[in-house]
Amino acid sequence: MRILAERPNSEASFAALCGVSPIEYSSGLRRTRRLKHGGDRQTNAALHRIVCTRPRHDPRTQAYYERRTQEGKTRHEIIRCLERYAAREIFNLVRPVPRTPALLGRP
C-alpha cells in the first residue's frame, strides 16, 4: 500500500489519509458526523472489508455492534465508528517506533 510508505505522524492524519476521519454536519434537525471521502481509496476499501467481516467473527465487535444498536445508532453510523477504530488499530501496528537517544554516561 502506498499509504504505509508515507508513514503519517499521528493517528488522526492516518485516518484522514484512509478516508475515515469524521466530519461534523447538520441536516437542520440533527447534528451528526460523516466520513471524509478523500484519501487513499484502496486503504479505505480494505478498512471497509475488515469492518464488514469483523462482526461475523470477533466477539468484541459483536458486543460493540449490539450495544450501539441498543443506543439507537443506525447500521451506517456503527460502520463509520468501526472504520475509525480499525484505522486506529492499524496505525498502532504500523507506526514507526520512536528512537530514543542513548543516555550519555549512563550504563
C-alpha atoms as a PDB file:
ATOM      1  CA  MET A   1       0.000   0.000   0.000  1.00  0.00           C
ATOM      2  CA  ARG A   2       1.281   3.417  -0.918  1.00  0.00           C
ATOM      3  CA  ILE A   3      -0.105   4.982   2.236  1.00  0.00           C
ATOM      4  CA  LEU A   4       2.096   2.945   4.558  1.00  0.00           C
ATOM      5  CA  ALA A   5       5.243   4.204   2.855  1.00  0.00           C
ATOM      6  CA  GLU A   6       4.341   7.779   3.783  1.00  0.00           C
ATOM      7  CA  ARG A   7       4.182   6.932   7.492  1.00  0.00           C
ATOM      8  CA  PRO A   8       1.881   9.637   8.866  1.00  0.00           C
ATOM      9  CA  ASN A   9       2.933  11.040  12.222  1.00  0.00           C
ATOM     10  CA  SER A  10      -0.405  10.910  14.021  1.00  0.00           C
ATOM     11  CA  GLU A  11      -3.381   8.633  14.199  1.00  0.00           C
ATOM     12  CA  ALA A  12      -5.680  11.446  13.042  1.00  0.00           C
ATOM     13  CA  SER A  13      -3.592  12.094   9.938  1.00  0.00           C
ATOM     14  CA  PHE A  14      -3.580   8.353   9.176  1.00  0.00           C
ATOM     15  CA  ALA A  15      -7.378   8.285   9.471  1.00  0.00           C
ATOM     16  CA  ALA A  16      -7.645  11.264   7.115  1.00  0.00           C
ATOM     17  CA  LEU A  17      -5.387   9.531   4.599  1.00  0.00           C
ATOM     18  CA  CYS A  18      -7.554   6.407   4.844  1.00  0.00           C
ATOM     19  CA  GLY A  19     -10.736   8.405   4.343  1.00  0.00           C
ATOM     20  CA  VAL A  20     -12.245   7.575   7.735  1.00  0.00           C
ATOM     21  CA  SER A  21     -11.871  10.827   9.658  1.00  0.00           C
ATOM     22  CA  PRO A  22     -15.218  12.120  10.933  1.00  0.00           C
ATOM     23  CA  ILE A  23     -16.630  15.446   9.750  1.00  0.00           C
ATOM     24  CA  GLU A  24     -19.494  17.111  11.606  1.00  0.00           C
ATOM     25  CA  TYR A  25     -22.515  18.149   9.566  1.00  0.00           C
ATOM     26  CA  SER A  26     -26.064  19.202  10.253  1.00  0.00           C
ATOM     27  CA  SER A  27     -29.264  18.475   8.375  1.00  0.00           C
ATOM     28  CA  GLY A  28     -31.039  21.280  10.212  1.00  0.00           C
ATOM     29  CA  LEU A  29     -32.842  18.908  12.557  1.00  0.00           C
ATOM     30  CA  ARG A  30     -29.960  16.748  13.685  1.00  0.00           C
ATOM     31  CA  ARG A  31     -26.227  17.157  14.113  1.00  0.00           C
ATOM     32  CA  THR A  32     -24.182  14.118  13.208  1.00  0.00           C
ATOM     33  CA  ARG A  33     -20.911  13.070  11.605  1.00  0.00           C
ATOM     34  CA  ARG A  34     -19.951  11.585   8.281  1.00  0.00           C
ATOM     35  CA  LEU A  35     -16.667  10.258   6.976  1.00  0.00           C
ATOM     36  CA  LYS A  36     -14.296  12.365   4.935  1.00  0.00           C
ATOM     37  CA  HIS A  37     -14.436  10.858   1.468  1.00  0.00           C
ATOM     38  CA  GLY A  38     -10.902  11.799   0.464  1.00  0.00           C
ATOM     39  CA  GLY A  39      -7.763   9.801   0.919  1.00  0.00           C
ATOM     40  CA  ASP A  40      -6.464   6.544  -0.447  1.00  0.00           C
ATOM     41  CA  ARG A  41      -9.362   4.544  -1.887  1.00  0.00           C
ATOM     42  CA  GLN A  42      -7.586   1.180  -1.691  1.00  0.00           C
ATOM     43  CA  THR A  43      -6.941   1.601   2.014  1.00  0.00           C
ATOM     44  CA  ASN A  44     -10.500   2.776   2.570  1.00  0.00           C
ATOM     45  CA  ALA A  45     -11.829  -0.280   0.723  1.00  0.00           C
ATOM     46  CA  ALA A  46      -9.618  -2.574   2.822  1.00  0.00           C
ATOM     47  CA  LEU A  47     -10.881  -0.982   6.053  1.00  0.00           C
ATOM     48  CA  HIS A  48     -14.450  -1.378   4.873  1.00  0.00           C
ATOM     49  CA  ARG A  49     -13.898  -5.084   4.172  1.00  0.00           C
ATOM     50  CA  ILE A  50     -12.372  -5.524   7.627  1.00  0.00           C
ATOM     51  CA  VAL A  51     -15.331  -3.792   9.263  1.00  0.00           C
ATOM     52  CA  CYS A  52     -17.901  -5.808   7.310  1.00  0.00           C
ATOM     53  CA  THR A  53     -16.193  -9.088   8.238  1.00  0.00           C
ATOM     54  CA  ARG A  54     -15.380  -8.483  11.914  1.00  0.00           C
ATOM     55  CA  PRO A  55     -18.953  -8.605  13.295  1.00  0.00           C
ATOM     56  CA  ARG A  56     -19.269 -12.167  11.999  1.00  0.00           C
ATOM     57  CA  HIS A  57     -16.165 -13.460  13.769  1.00  0.00           C
ATOM     58  CA  ASP A  58     -14.933 -11.087  16.516  1.00  0.00           C
ATOM     59  CA  PRO A  59     -16.830 -11.229  19.844  1.00  0.00           C
ATOM     60  CA  ARG A  60     -15.644  -7.711  20.831  1.00  0.00           C
ATOM     61  CA  THR A  61     -17.067  -6.255  17.631  1.00  0.00           C
ATOM     62  CA  GLN A  62     -20.306  -8.198  18.050  1.00  0.00           C
ATOM     63  CA  ALA A  63     -20.743  -6.808  21.565  1.00  0.00           C
ATOM     64  CA  TYR A  64     -19.947  -3.290  20.355  1.00  0.00           C
ATOM     65  CA  TYR A  65     -22.435  -3.611  17.490  1.00  0.00           C
ATOM     66  CA  GLU A  66     -25.191  -4.818  19.848  1.00  0.00           C
ATOM     67  CA  ARG A  67     -24.509  -2.067  22.385  1.00  0.00           C
ATOM     68  CA  ARG A  68     -24.569   0.690  19.756  1.00  0.00           C
ATOM     69  CA  THR A  69     -27.767  -0.747  18.229  1.00  0.00           C
ATOM     70  CA  GLN A  70     -29.441  -0.589  21.637  1.00  0.00           C
ATOM     71  CA  GLU A  71     -28.303   3.040  21.927  1.00  0.00           C
ATOM     72  CA  GLY A  72     -30.319   3.777  18.783  1.00  0.00           C
ATOM     73  CA  LYS A  73     -27.447   4.111  16.300  1.00  0.00           C
ATOM     74  CA  THR A  74     -28.051   3.135  12.695  1.00  0.00           C
ATOM     75  CA  ARG A  75     -26.000   0.499  10.889  1.00  0.00           C
ATOM     76  CA  HIS A  76     -24.346   3.253   8.843  1.00  0.00           C
ATOM     77  CA  GLU A  77     -23.264   5.126  11.993  1.00  0.00           C
ATOM     78  CA  ILE A  78     -21.923   1.950  13.586  1.00  0.00           C
ATOM     79  CA  ILE A  79     -19.913   1.099  10.453  1.00  0.00           C
ATOM     80  CA  ARG A  80     -18.458   4.632  10.466  1.00  0.00           C
ATOM     81  CA  CYS A  81     -17.308   4.234  14.073  1.00  0.00           C
ATOM     82  CA  LEU A  82     -15.895   0.760  13.447  1.00  0.00           C
ATOM     83  CA  GLU A  83     -13.895   2.000  10.449  1.00  0.00           C
ATOM     84  CA  ARG A  84     -12.339   4.671  12.657  1.00  0.00           C
ATOM     85  CA  TYR A  85     -11.487   2.081  15.326  1.00  0.00           C
ATOM     86  CA  ALA A  86      -9.969  -0.238  12.715  1.00  0.00           C
ATOM     87  CA  ALA A  87      -7.842   2.632  11.389  1.00  0.00           C
ATOM     88  CA  ARG A  88      -6.656   3.322  14.932  1.00  0.00           C
ATOM     89  CA  GLU A  89      -5.647  -0.314  15.433  1.00  0.00           C
ATOM     90  CA  ILE A  90      -3.817  -0.471  12.096  1.00  0.00           C
ATOM     91  CA  PHE A  91      -1.976   2.781  12.781  1.00  0.00           C
ATOM     92  CA  ASN A  92      -0.732   1.411  16.095  1.00  0.00           C
ATOM     93  CA  LEU A  93       0.560  -1.676  14.285  1.00  0.00           C
ATOM     94  CA  VAL A  94       2.416   0.169  11.501  1.00  0.00           C
ATOM     95  CA  ARG A  95       3.544   3.386  13.182  1.00  0.00           C
ATOM     96  CA  PRO A  96       7.258   3.962  13.384  1.00  0.00           C
ATOM     97  CA  VAL A  97       8.814   3.204  16.736  1.00  0.00           C
ATOM     98  CA  PRO A  98      10.327   6.392  18.154  1.00  0.00           C
ATOM     99  CA  ARG A  99      14.045   6.107  18.642  1.00  0.00           C
ATOM    100  CA  THR A 100      15.280   7.332  21.971  1.00  0.00           C
ATOM    101  CA  PRO A 101      18.794   8.726  22.114  1.00  0.00           C
ATOM    102  CA  ALA A 102      21.259   6.702  24.129  1.00  0.00           C
ATOM    103  CA  LEU A 103      21.800   8.003  27.625  1.00  0.00           C
ATOM    104  CA  LEU A 104      25.168   9.688  27.779  1.00  0.00           C
ATOM    105  CA  GLY A 105      27.436   8.494  30.556  1.00  0.00           C
ATOM    106  CA  ARG A 106      24.949   6.003  31.987  1.00  0.00           C
ATOM    107  CA  PRO A 107      25.163   2.222  31.811  1.00  0.00           C
END
